[in-house]
Amino acid sequence: MHQTIAPRPTTSPGLGWFSLATGIATLITFAIAVTTPPRSGPFCTSDCIGPPYTDAAQFVPRDYVWMYPALVVAVLFLGLLIAIEAHAVAAGRVVLARTATGLATIATATLAITYGLQLTVAQPKLARGETDGLGLLTQYNPDGLFIGLENVGYTAMALAFLLMGLAIKPSRRPHRVLRWILVIGGFATVVALVVFSVAFGTDLSYRYEVTAIALTWLTLALAAATLAWQHLRPALSRAGVQRSR
């Protein structure tokens, strides 16, 4: 006796609203991060501080505000990729999709630890003037653990985008658009890592980190907008028709 597998629904209003929330949260986080000026390293132009970065207490909590929504965005990113796997992945590309989800999990966990340490360890210690041994951990160190962990997290996010894009079945126009957004965004971030590493070597600082954040958040916002349009448009169209009757 053969069991019939029910086809997956083509649209889901719940996924549409989740995608919309993800896109909005990403753009808000981006805006807050962009308005947080660099205090050290190659992009700093004023109020710059140097090792051991103990003067950073004057910038608390202003410089840490962007990390709160960034934590939320990291979790939303993982949820969005899980949703893409459930709705858009081709049947023969499950391994690619599962690998992408695994990388997304690594990215989210790494970024959660990174921002969590800054918010619950580095920030209060700076505020209390307890700066001994904080130089390697603080976000103000352009060659410190914070930048290194962010590099790992956002590179894993980029690879997850790339593999999930390749796993999508481009049978429908929204899926084709989503596929290209993920593939281009993920590939561009990985290329940026190679280019910056070759160009700057041991003087990489946070150059790649800034670029990776911009590219991955832009990719996430565009992917979320595409999914929101795909899954909300039918429901909104039906609601408009009913109101017009």
Protein backbone atom coordinates (compact mmCIF):
# COMPACT_ATOMS: atom_id res chain seq x y z
CA MET A 1 0.00 0.00 0.00
CA HIS A 2 1.51 3.29 -1.12
CA GLN A 3 1.40 6.28 1.17
CA THR A 4 0.62 9.61 -0.47
CA ILE A 5 2.77 12.50 0.71
CA ALA A 6 0.86 15.75 0.93
CA PRO A 7 2.46 18.56 -1.08
CA ARG A 8 3.95 21.44 0.82
CA PRO A 9 1.85 24.62 0.78
CA THR A 10 3.10 27.26 -1.64
CA THR A 11 2.34 30.15 0.72
CA SER A 12 2.14 30.62 4.46
CA PRO A 13 0.95 33.91 6.00
CA GLY A 14 2.73 33.01 9.23
CA LEU A 15 6.05 32.75 7.40
CA GLY A 16 5.24 36.01 5.62
CA TRP A 17 4.78 37.92 8.87
CA PHE A 18 7.87 36.30 10.38
CA SER A 19 9.90 37.31 7.32
CA LEU A 20 8.57 40.85 7.49
CA ALA A 21 9.55 41.10 11.16
CA THR A 22 13.00 39.73 10.34
CA GLY A 23 13.55 42.29 7.59
CA ILE A 24 12.42 45.21 9.75
CA ALA A 25 14.54 44.08 12.71
CA THR A 26 17.58 43.73 10.46
CA LEU A 27 17.19 47.22 9.00
CA ILE A 28 16.70 48.77 12.45
CA THR A 29 19.81 47.00 13.74
CA PHE A 30 21.75 48.12 10.68
CA ALA A 31 20.74 51.74 11.28
CA ILE A 32 21.79 51.63 14.94
CA ALA A 33 25.11 49.95 14.11
CA VAL A 34 25.94 52.46 11.37
CA THR A 35 25.35 55.38 13.73
CA THR A 36 27.74 53.88 16.31
CA PRO A 37 31.12 55.47 15.48
CA PRO A 38 34.35 53.42 15.53
CA ARG A 39 36.50 54.34 18.52
CA SER A 40 39.73 52.65 17.40
CA GLY A 41 41.35 51.06 14.38
CA PRO A 42 41.57 52.18 10.74
CA PHE A 43 38.09 53.75 10.48
CA CYS A 44 38.29 55.88 13.61
CA THR A 45 38.33 59.63 12.91
CA SER A 46 37.66 61.22 16.32
CA ASP A 47 37.64 60.33 20.03
CA CYS A 48 39.97 57.44 19.21
CA ILE A 49 41.32 55.24 21.98
CA GLY A 50 44.26 52.85 22.02
CA PRO A 51 45.54 49.91 24.05
CA PRO A 52 44.63 48.87 26.69
CA TYR A 53 41.29 50.53 25.77
CA THR A 54 40.49 51.51 29.36
CA ASP A 55 39.16 54.90 28.22
CA ALA A 56 36.15 53.16 26.64
CA ALA A 57 34.12 53.50 29.85
CA GLN A 58 32.93 56.91 28.67
CA PHE A 59 31.16 55.25 25.72
CA VAL A 60 29.09 52.86 27.88
CA PRO A 61 26.25 52.08 27.26
CA ARG A 62 25.98 54.02 23.97
CA ASP A 63 28.34 51.81 21.99
CA TYR A 64 26.68 48.60 23.15
CA VAL A 65 23.08 49.44 22.22
CA TRP A 66 23.35 47.89 18.72
CA MET A 67 24.27 44.49 20.13
CA TYR A 68 20.85 43.93 21.71
CA PRO A 69 18.94 43.92 18.40
CA ALA A 70 21.90 42.16 16.74
CA LEU A 71 21.29 39.22 19.09
CA VAL A 72 17.66 39.13 18.00
CA VAL A 73 18.64 39.30 14.32
CA ALA A 74 21.00 36.34 14.75
CA VAL A 75 18.14 34.22 16.09
CA LEU A 76 15.71 35.43 13.40
CA PHE A 77 18.30 34.54 10.75
CA LEU A 78 18.39 30.94 11.96
CA GLY A 79 14.59 30.75 11.98
CA LEU A 80 14.39 32.16 8.47
CA LEU A 81 16.82 29.60 7.05
CA ILE A 82 14.90 26.77 8.72
CA ALA A 83 11.73 28.13 7.11
CA ILE A 84 13.41 28.33 3.70
CA GLU A 85 14.53 24.73 4.04
CA ALA A 86 10.94 23.69 4.77
CA HIS A 87 9.32 25.63 1.93
CA ALA A 88 11.74 26.06 -0.97
CA VAL A 89 14.40 23.35 -1.00
CA ALA A 90 14.50 20.88 -3.88
CA ALA A 91 13.94 17.26 -2.94
CA GLY A 92 17.34 16.15 -4.18
CA ARG A 93 19.27 18.89 -2.38
CA VAL A 94 18.50 18.05 1.22
CA VAL A 95 22.16 17.53 2.13
CA LEU A 96 23.03 21.04 0.96
CA ALA A 97 20.11 22.49 2.90
CA ARG A 98 20.91 20.57 6.09
CA THR A 99 24.54 21.66 5.88
CA ALA A 100 23.37 25.25 5.46
CA THR A 101 21.13 24.94 8.52
CA GLY A 102 24.03 23.49 10.49
CA LEU A 103 26.23 26.42 9.52
CA ALA A 104 23.41 28.80 10.43
CA THR A 105 23.25 27.19 13.87
CA ILE A 106 27.01 27.66 14.29
CA ALA A 107 26.71 31.29 13.20
CA THR A 108 23.86 32.04 15.59
CA ALA A 109 25.58 30.31 18.52
CA THR A 110 28.88 32.10 17.85
CA LEU A 111 27.26 35.52 17.56
CA ALA A 112 25.08 34.93 20.62
CA ILE A 113 28.16 34.09 22.68
CA THR A 114 30.08 37.04 21.22
CA TYR A 115 27.43 39.65 21.92
CA GLY A 116 26.41 38.03 25.19
CA LEU A 117 29.97 38.31 26.53
CA GLN A 118 30.17 41.96 25.51
CA LEU A 119 26.85 42.85 27.11
CA THR A 120 27.16 40.84 30.32
CA VAL A 121 30.93 40.86 30.91
CA ALA A 122 32.77 43.62 29.03
CA GLN A 123 30.13 46.33 29.39
CA PRO A 124 29.61 46.11 33.19
CA LYS A 125 33.34 45.76 33.82
CA LEU A 126 34.04 48.91 31.83
CA ALA A 127 31.27 50.75 33.67
CA ARG A 128 32.78 49.75 37.03
CA GLY A 129 36.34 50.52 35.97
CA GLU A 130 37.43 46.87 36.23
CA THR A 131 39.64 46.88 33.15
CA ASP A 132 42.36 44.38 34.12
CA GLY A 133 42.64 41.74 31.38
CA LEU A 134 39.81 43.29 29.39
CA GLY A 135 41.91 44.46 26.45
CA LEU A 136 41.74 41.18 24.53
CA LEU A 137 37.98 40.76 25.03
CA THR A 138 36.67 44.27 24.40
CA GLN A 139 35.05 45.28 21.11
CA TYR A 140 37.43 48.25 20.91
CA ASN A 141 40.42 46.00 20.24
CA PRO A 142 40.58 45.72 16.42
CA ASP A 143 42.62 42.52 16.72
CA GLY A 144 40.82 41.08 19.74
CA LEU A 145 38.56 38.11 20.41
CA PHE A 146 35.40 40.07 19.69
CA ILE A 147 36.38 40.82 16.09
CA GLY A 148 37.70 37.29 15.59
CA LEU A 149 34.49 35.68 16.81
CA GLU A 150 32.40 38.00 14.67
CA ASN A 151 34.50 37.02 11.66
CA VAL A 152 33.74 33.36 12.37
CA GLY A 153 30.04 34.01 12.93
CA TYR A 154 29.40 36.11 9.85
CA THR A 155 31.50 33.87 7.61
CA ALA A 156 29.42 30.90 8.76
CA MET A 157 26.30 32.96 8.05
CA ALA A 158 27.56 33.74 4.54
CA LEU A 159 28.32 30.08 3.81
CA ALA A 160 24.85 29.16 5.09
CA PHE A 161 23.31 31.68 2.68
CA LEU A 162 25.38 30.34 -0.21
CA LEU A 163 24.55 26.66 0.37
CA MET A 164 20.87 27.31 1.08
CA GLY A 165 20.63 29.34 -2.11
CA LEU A 166 22.13 26.49 -4.10
CA ALA A 167 19.67 24.08 -2.44
CA ILE A 168 16.57 26.06 -3.47
CA LYS A 169 14.53 24.64 -6.33
CA PRO A 170 14.14 27.60 -8.75
CA SER A 171 10.83 26.40 -10.18
CA ARG A 172 8.89 29.56 -9.25
CA ARG A 173 9.85 33.19 -9.74
CA PRO A 174 9.99 34.10 -6.01
CA HIS A 175 12.25 31.10 -5.42
CA ARG A 176 14.53 32.14 -8.26
CA VAL A 177 14.82 35.65 -6.83
CA LEU A 178 15.47 34.26 -3.35
CA ARG A 179 18.05 31.85 -4.73
CA TRP A 180 20.03 34.62 -6.42
CA ILE A 181 19.90 36.87 -3.36
CA LEU A 182 21.29 34.15 -1.10
CA VAL A 183 23.93 32.92 -3.54
CA ILE A 184 25.22 36.39 -4.47
CA GLY A 185 25.20 37.66 -0.87
CA GLY A 186 26.92 34.60 0.52
CA PHE A 187 29.47 34.39 -2.28
CA ALA A 188 30.31 38.12 -2.06
CA THR A 189 31.00 37.83 1.66
CA VAL A 190 33.32 34.84 1.21
CA VAL A 191 35.15 36.63 -1.62
CA ALA A 192 35.52 39.69 0.62
CA LEU A 193 37.24 37.53 3.24
CA VAL A 194 39.75 36.26 0.70
CA VAL A 195 40.39 39.70 -0.82
CA PHE A 196 40.81 41.48 2.52
CA SER A 197 43.01 38.70 3.92
CA VAL A 198 45.33 38.87 0.91
CA ALA A 199 45.36 42.67 0.80
CA PHE A 200 45.92 43.35 4.51
CA GLY A 201 47.35 40.12 5.93
CA THR A 202 48.06 40.47 9.65
CA ASP A 203 46.76 44.06 9.51
CA LEU A 204 43.23 42.89 8.70
CA SER A 205 41.82 44.61 11.79
CA TYR A 206 38.01 44.92 11.58
CA ARG A 207 37.91 45.72 7.87
CA TYR A 208 36.42 42.36 6.93
CA GLU A 209 34.13 42.34 9.96
CA VAL A 210 32.47 45.60 8.92
CA THR A 211 32.10 44.39 5.32
CA ALA A 212 30.75 40.99 6.37
CA ILE A 213 28.14 42.54 8.65
CA ALA A 214 26.98 44.89 5.88
CA LEU A 215 26.76 42.14 3.25
CA THR A 216 25.09 39.50 5.42
CA TRP A 217 22.57 41.88 6.94
CA LEU A 218 21.73 43.26 3.49
CA THR A 219 21.30 39.70 2.21
CA LEU A 220 19.10 38.82 5.17
CA ALA A 221 16.92 41.91 4.72
CA LEU A 222 16.44 41.27 0.98
CA ALA A 223 15.72 37.56 1.49
CA ALA A 224 13.21 38.38 4.23
CA ALA A 225 11.51 40.97 2.01
CA THR A 226 11.25 38.45 -0.83
CA LEU A 227 9.68 35.82 1.43
CA ALA A 228 7.33 38.37 3.00
CA TRP A 229 6.12 39.44 -0.46
CA GLN A 230 5.67 35.86 -1.62
CA HIS A 231 3.75 34.66 1.42
CA LEU A 232 1.75 37.76 2.34
CA ARG A 233 0.63 38.99 -1.09
CA PRO A 234 -2.06 36.30 -1.65
CA ALA A 235 -3.55 36.82 1.82
CA LEU A 236 -3.52 40.62 1.45
CA SER A 237 -5.06 40.34 -2.03
CA ARG A 238 -7.88 38.15 -0.70
CA ALA A 239 -8.46 40.57 2.17
CA GLY A 240 -8.67 43.46 -0.31
CA VAL A 241 -11.19 41.59 -2.46
CA GLN A 242 -13.37 40.80 0.55
CA ARG A 243 -13.37 44.43 1.70
CA SER A 244 -14.38 45.60 -1.76
CA ARG A 245 -17.46 43.37 -1.81
